[in-house]
C-alpha atoms as a PDB file:
ATOM      1  CA  UNK A   1      -3.105 133.287  15.330  1.00  0.00           C
ATOM      2  CA  UNK A   2      -3.046 136.770  14.058  1.00  0.00           C
ATOM      3  CA  UNK A   3      -4.353 135.821  10.376  1.00  0.00           C
ATOM      4  CA  UNK A   4      -7.084 133.534  12.357  1.00  0.00           C
ATOM      5  CA  UNK A   5     -10.091 135.492  12.553  1.00  0.00           C
ATOM      6  CA  UNK A   6     -11.851 135.379  15.792  1.00  0.00           C
ATOM      7  CA  UNK A   7      -8.926 133.616  16.980  1.00  0.00           C
ATOM      8  CA  UNK A   8      -9.758 133.803  20.781  1.00  0.00           C
ATOM      9  CA  UNK A   9     -13.409 132.068  19.879  1.00  0.00           C
ATOM     10  CA  UNK A  10     -11.249 129.066  18.283  1.00  0.00           C
ATOM     11  CA  UNK A  11      -8.711 129.333  21.224  1.00  0.00           C
ATOM     12  CA  UNK A  12     -11.432 128.656  23.748  1.00  0.00           C
ATOM     13  CA  UNK A  13     -12.593 125.883  21.322  1.00  0.00           C
ATOM     14  CA  UNK A  14      -9.659 124.102  21.054  1.00  0.00           C
ATOM     15  CA  UNK A  15      -9.401 124.526  25.150  1.00  0.00           C
ATOM     16  CA  UNK A  16     -12.813 123.406  25.938  1.00  0.00           C
ATOM     17  CA  UNK A  17     -11.892 120.091  23.988  1.00  0.00           C
ATOM     18  CA  UNK A  18      -8.571 119.756  25.347  1.00  0.00           C
ATOM     19  CA  UNK A  19      -9.855 120.332  29.005  1.00  0.00           C
ATOM     20  CA  UNK A  20     -12.811 118.004  28.573  1.00  0.00           C
ATOM     21  CA  UNK A  21     -10.650 115.118  27.403  1.00  0.00           C
ATOM     22  CA  UNK A  22      -8.125 115.521  30.233  1.00  0.00           C
ATOM     23  CA  UNK A  23     -10.998 115.638  32.774  1.00  0.00           C
ATOM     24  CA  UNK A  24     -12.809 112.834  31.351  1.00  0.00           C
ATOM     25  CA  UNK A  25      -9.581 110.442  31.104  1.00  0.00           C
ATOM     26  CA  UNK A  26      -8.343 111.407  34.821  1.00  0.00           C
ATOM     27  CA  UNK A  27     -11.718 110.871  36.148  1.00  0.00           C
ATOM     28  CA  UNK A  28     -12.252 107.718  34.295  1.00  0.00           C
ATOM     29  CA  UNK A  29     -15.636 109.316  32.804  1.00  0.00           C
ATOM     30  CA  UNK A  30     -16.957 107.284  29.754  1.00  0.00           C
ATOM     31  CA  UNK A  31     -17.085 109.169  26.991  1.00  0.00           C
ATOM     32  CA  UNK A  32     -19.427 109.206  23.772  1.00  0.00           C
ATOM     33  CA  UNK A  33     -17.478 111.235  20.830  1.00  0.00           C
ATOM     34  CA  UNK A  34     -20.136 112.254  18.216  1.00  0.00           C
ATOM     35  CA  UNK A  35     -19.386 114.905  15.347  1.00  0.00           C
ATOM     36  CA  UNK A  36     -22.521 116.846  14.621  1.00  0.00           C
ATOM     37  CA  UNK A  37     -22.462 115.928  10.717  1.00  0.00           C
ATOM     38  CA  UNK A  38     -23.118 112.220  11.778  1.00  0.00           C
ATOM     39  CA  UNK A  39     -26.489 112.886  12.226  1.00  0.00           C
ATOM     40  CA  UNK A  40     -26.743 114.073   9.000  1.00  0.00           C
ATOM     41  CA  UNK A  41     -25.579 110.428   7.827  1.00  0.00           C
ATOM     42  CA  UNK A  42     -27.241 108.501  10.174  1.00  0.00           C
ATOM     43  CA  UNK A  43     -29.805 110.540  12.304  1.00  0.00           C
ATOM     44  CA  UNK A  44     -31.311 107.050  14.221  1.00  0.00           C
ATOM     45  CA  UNK A  45     -28.456 105.261  14.220  1.00  0.00           C
ATOM     46  CA  UNK A  46     -26.748 107.937  16.025  1.00  0.00           C
ATOM     47  CA  UNK A  47     -29.760 108.828  18.241  1.00  0.00           C
ATOM     48  CA  UNK A  48     -29.780 105.091  19.467  1.00  0.00           C
ATOM     49  CA  UNK A  49     -26.006 105.203  20.153  1.00  0.00           C
ATOM     50  CA  UNK A  50     -26.435 108.301  22.404  1.00  0.00           C
ATOM     51  CA  UNK A  51     -29.489 106.865  24.229  1.00  0.00           C
ATOM     52  CA  UNK A  52     -27.531 103.692  24.800  1.00  0.00           C
ATOM     53  CA  UNK A  53     -24.790 105.275  26.259  1.00  0.00           C
ATOM     54  CA  UNK A  54     -26.777 107.775  28.564  1.00  0.00           C
ATOM     55  CA  UNK A  55     -29.349 104.205  29.226  1.00  0.00           C
ATOM     56  CA  UNK A  56     -32.024 105.890  28.205  1.00  0.00           C
ATOM     57  CA  UNK A  57     -35.298 105.130  26.332  1.00  0.00           C
ATOM     58  CA  UNK A  58     -36.673 106.894  23.108  1.00  0.00           C
ATOM     59  CA  UNK A  59     -39.553 108.770  23.988  1.00  0.00           C
ATOM     60  CA  UNK A  60     -41.792 110.156  21.223  1.00  0.00           C
ATOM     61  CA  UNK A  61     -40.804 110.767  17.524  1.00  0.00           C
ATOM     62  CA  UNK A  62     -37.336 112.116  16.529  1.00  0.00           C
ATOM     63  CA  UNK A  63     -37.897 115.513  15.939  1.00  0.00           C
ATOM     64  CA  UNK A  64     -36.235 116.513  12.597  1.00  0.00           C
ATOM     65  CA  UNK A  65     -32.581 117.365  12.037  1.00  0.00           C
ATOM     66  CA  UNK A  66     -31.685 119.949   9.978  1.00  0.00           C
ATOM     67  CA  UNK A  67     -28.588 119.211   8.103  1.00  0.00           C
ATOM     68  CA  UNK A  68     -25.663 121.513   6.409  1.00  0.00           C
ATOM     69  CA  UNK A  69     -25.092 123.722   8.986  1.00  0.00           C
ATOM     70  CA  UNK A  70     -21.623 124.213   7.782  1.00  0.00           C
ATOM     71  CA  UNK A  71     -19.818 127.867   8.019  1.00  0.00           C
ATOM     72  CA  UNK A  72     -16.545 127.360   5.823  1.00  0.00           C
ATOM     73  CA  UNK A  73     -18.132 130.194   3.348  1.00  0.00           C
ATOM     74  CA  UNK A  74     -18.001 132.429   6.224  1.00  0.00           C
ATOM     75  CA  UNK A  75     -13.823 132.031   5.646  1.00  0.00           C
ATOM     76  CA  UNK A  76     -11.020 132.727   3.047  1.00  0.00           C
ATOM     77  CA  UNK A  77      -8.738 129.796   2.310  1.00  0.00           C
ATOM     78  CA  UNK A  78      -5.920 131.232   3.844  1.00  0.00           C
ATOM     79  CA  UNK A  79      -8.075 131.567   6.852  1.00  0.00           C
ATOM     80  CA  UNK A  80      -8.852 128.027   7.382  1.00  0.00           C
ATOM     81  CA  UNK A  81      -5.468 127.114   6.535  1.00  0.00           C
ATOM     82  CA  UNK A  82      -4.163 129.800   9.277  1.00  0.00           C
ATOM     83  CA  UNK A  83      -6.941 128.138  11.704  1.00  0.00           C
ATOM     84  CA  UNK A  84      -6.025 124.598  10.876  1.00  0.00           C
ATOM     85  CA  UNK A  85      -2.637 125.356  11.921  1.00  0.00           C
ATOM     86  CA  UNK A  86      -3.475 127.218  15.111  1.00  0.00           C
ATOM     87  CA  UNK A  87      -5.645 124.205  16.107  1.00  0.00           C
ATOM     88  CA  UNK A  88      -3.212 121.544  14.850  1.00  0.00           C
ATOM     89  CA  UNK A  89      -0.418 123.252  17.490  1.00  0.00           C
ATOM     90  CA  UNK A  90      -2.840 124.045  19.803  1.00  0.00           C
ATOM     91  CA  UNK A  91      -4.748 120.902  20.205  1.00  0.00           C
ATOM     92  CA  UNK A  92      -3.562 117.918  22.629  1.00  0.00           C
ATOM     93  CA  UNK A  93      -1.954 115.072  20.751  1.00  0.00           C
ATOM     94  CA  UNK A  94      -5.324 112.870  21.367  1.00  0.00           C
ATOM     95  CA  UNK A  95      -7.695 115.869  19.917  1.00  0.00           C
ATOM     96  CA  UNK A  96      -6.250 116.795  16.916  1.00  0.00           C
ATOM     97  CA  UNK A  97      -7.559 113.399  15.209  1.00  0.00           C
ATOM     98  CA  UNK A  98     -10.932 114.421  16.185  1.00  0.00           C
ATOM     99  CA  UNK A  99     -10.421 117.997  15.023  1.00  0.00           C
ATOM    100  CA  UNK A 100      -8.599 117.371  11.647  1.00  0.00           C
ATOM    101  CA  UNK A 101     -11.686 115.941  10.171  1.00  0.00           C
ATOM    102  CA  UNK A 102     -13.085 119.434   9.616  1.00  0.00           C
ATOM    103  CA  UNK A 103     -10.394 120.498   7.459  1.00  0.00           C
ATOM    104  CA  UNK A 104      -9.365 119.604   3.770  1.00  0.00           C
ATOM    105  CA  UNK A 105      -6.383 117.088   3.758  1.00  0.00           C
ATOM    106  CA  UNK A 106      -4.693 119.626   1.150  1.00  0.00           C
ATOM    107  CA  UNK A 107      -5.375 122.591   3.729  1.00  0.00           C
ATOM    108  CA  UNK A 108      -3.893 120.573   6.438  1.00  0.00           C
ATOM    109  CA  UNK A 109      -0.845 119.713   4.391  1.00  0.00           C
ATOM    110  CA  UNK A 110      -0.632 123.358   3.280  1.00  0.00           C
ATOM    111  CA  UNK A 111      -0.846 124.252   6.994  1.00  0.00           C
ATOM    112  CA  UNK A 112       1.921 122.504   8.550  1.00  0.00           C
ATOM    113  CA  UNK A 113       4.525 124.335   6.073  1.00  0.00           C
END
């Protein structure tokens, strides 16, 4: 953890996901998981999926989506590897597959060493 910048923020991030998953599973609350970047690939399709899940109708025009919000350039490669390792160790078994797609495959394999 010492090599992860803002480690307390990332700890809170992974804990939020862990606890949200546990709560929705234990309370049998229906969930829909969408990744931010999926809106970049298919805005209307994902918006429709969300509206259907929430049982809402679309009203008005879709707001413009501003793509490209990625923060990888804020961190060095070693920091990203350390973060990948930290999240993999702290994420519940059902959460890691949802988080690992944010890391390149080579970073994940190196972080596992």
